[in-house]
Amino acid sequence: MRTEDEVIDIMRVFYKEEFGGKSNQRFRLTWADLRSIYGVGKLFRSRFKLLQERAYQRGLYIWCPADEDEIVVIRCKTVDRWRRVPKRIIDEYRESADPQDLDDEEDD
């Protein structure tokens, strides 16, 4: 079984590799592919969380989009450069919070 750092090293190779007509680009992996790279039959959430933390420390974001059987890998620098919605635009769509909602502890 490989360590998180070894798996991240492999992901960094994938990042640089040319496929889909591009190199040095974000990519997706199936969970089955990730398990085979790790060398495990099952990949527990705790191990995936550790992989995410180590990857972040090494300049990669890894996440699983909702309802997907894949993970996404992208450089932190790429995401950190994404534009933010300006306050003036947010203000156009802002709604006042119901005072009762402020006391609610439940998730939406």
Protein backbone atom coordinates (compact mmCIF):
# COMPACT_ATOMS: atom_id res chain seq x y z
CA MET A 1 0.00 0.00 0.00
CA ARG A 2 1.26 3.47 -0.90
CA THR A 3 1.39 6.43 1.46
CA GLU A 4 -0.51 9.67 0.88
CA ASP A 5 2.71 11.37 -0.21
CA GLU A 6 3.40 8.65 -2.76
CA VAL A 7 -0.13 8.94 -4.15
CA ILE A 8 0.24 12.73 -4.36
CA ASP A 9 3.57 12.30 -6.20
CA ILE A 10 1.71 10.16 -8.75
CA MET A 11 -1.05 12.76 -9.03
CA ARG A 12 1.56 15.43 -9.72
CA VAL A 13 2.89 13.23 -12.56
CA PHE A 14 -0.67 12.95 -13.92
CA TYR A 15 -1.00 16.72 -13.72
CA LYS A 16 2.08 17.24 -15.89
CA GLU A 17 1.23 14.43 -18.31
CA GLU A 18 -0.37 15.35 -21.62
CA PHE A 19 -3.79 13.82 -22.18
CA GLY A 20 -7.07 15.19 -23.42
CA GLY A 21 -4.99 17.54 -25.56
CA LYS A 22 -3.52 19.36 -22.55
CA SER A 23 -0.79 19.12 -19.96
CA ASN A 24 -0.50 20.82 -16.56
CA GLN A 25 -4.27 20.78 -16.18
CA ARG A 26 -6.87 19.66 -13.68
CA PHE A 27 -8.13 16.11 -13.99
CA ARG A 28 -10.59 13.57 -12.65
CA LEU A 29 -10.08 10.05 -11.32
CA THR A 30 -12.62 7.39 -10.49
CA TRP A 31 -12.68 6.06 -6.95
CA ALA A 32 -11.67 2.67 -8.36
CA ASP A 33 -8.61 4.26 -10.01
CA LEU A 34 -7.67 6.01 -6.78
CA ARG A 35 -7.98 2.75 -4.82
CA SER A 36 -5.78 0.97 -7.37
CA ILE A 37 -3.14 3.72 -7.14
CA TYR A 38 -3.19 3.40 -3.35
CA GLY A 39 -3.11 -0.38 -3.62
CA VAL A 40 -6.17 -0.92 -1.41
CA GLY A 41 -9.51 -2.63 -1.88
CA LYS A 42 -11.38 -0.09 0.26
CA LEU A 43 -10.68 3.59 0.77
CA PHE A 44 -12.13 4.93 3.99
CA ARG A 45 -13.20 8.56 4.47
CA SER A 46 -10.49 9.07 7.08
CA ARG A 47 -7.78 8.13 4.56
CA PHE A 48 -9.34 10.32 1.86
CA LYS A 49 -9.49 13.23 4.32
CA LEU A 50 -5.80 12.69 5.12
CA LEU A 51 -5.04 12.62 1.38
CA GLN A 52 -6.89 15.93 0.94
CA GLU A 53 -4.96 17.54 3.80
CA ARG A 54 -1.57 16.34 2.56
CA ALA A 55 -2.40 17.34 -1.03
CA TYR A 56 -3.36 20.83 0.12
CA GLN A 57 -0.03 21.15 1.93
CA ARG A 58 1.62 20.24 -1.38
CA GLY A 59 -0.39 22.63 -3.55
CA LEU A 60 -3.32 20.50 -4.75
CA TYR A 61 -7.02 20.57 -3.97
CA ILE A 62 -8.80 17.22 -4.13
CA TRP A 63 -12.54 16.90 -3.74
CA CYS A 64 -15.46 14.76 -4.71
CA PRO A 65 -18.28 16.57 -6.52
CA ALA A 66 -21.74 15.67 -5.23
CA ASP A 67 -23.24 12.50 -6.69
CA GLU A 68 -20.07 11.63 -8.56
CA ASP A 69 -18.08 8.43 -8.67
CA GLU A 70 -14.96 10.49 -9.27
CA ILE A 71 -12.60 12.86 -7.55
CA VAL A 72 -11.29 16.12 -8.97
CA VAL A 73 -7.68 17.28 -8.68
CA ILE A 74 -6.67 20.89 -9.33
CA ARG A 75 -3.75 23.11 -8.32
CA CYS A 76 -4.45 25.40 -5.38
CA LYS A 77 -2.99 28.34 -7.33
CA THR A 78 -5.58 27.86 -10.07
CA VAL A 79 -8.52 27.93 -7.64
CA ASP A 80 -7.04 30.75 -5.57
CA ARG A 81 -7.00 32.94 -8.70
CA TRP A 82 -10.71 32.42 -9.44
CA ARG A 83 -12.60 35.68 -9.36
CA ARG A 84 -14.74 36.62 -6.38
CA VAL A 85 -18.24 38.00 -6.76
CA PRO A 86 -18.03 41.73 -5.93
CA LYS A 87 -19.95 43.04 -2.92
CA ARG A 88 -22.00 45.36 -5.18
CA ILE A 89 -23.39 42.32 -7.02
CA ILE A 90 -24.03 40.35 -3.83
CA ASP A 91 -25.87 43.39 -2.46
CA GLU A 92 -28.26 43.28 -5.43
CA TYR A 93 -29.44 39.82 -4.37
CA ARG A 94 -29.12 40.05 -0.60
CA GLU A 95 -32.22 39.21 1.47
CA SER A 96 -32.71 40.18 5.06
CA ALA A 97 -32.46 37.25 7.43
CA ASP A 98 -35.53 36.39 9.48
CA PRO A 99 -34.59 37.08 13.14
CA GLN A 100 -35.92 33.64 14.09
CA ASP A 101 -33.49 32.02 11.64
CA LEU A 102 -30.54 33.55 13.49
CA ASP A 103 -31.25 31.34 16.51
CA ASP A 104 -31.66 28.12 14.54
CA GLU A 105 -28.85 25.62 14.99
CA GLU A 106 -30.10 23.22 12.31
CA ASP A 107 -28.59 23.00 8.85
CA ASP A 108 -30.56 24.19 5.85
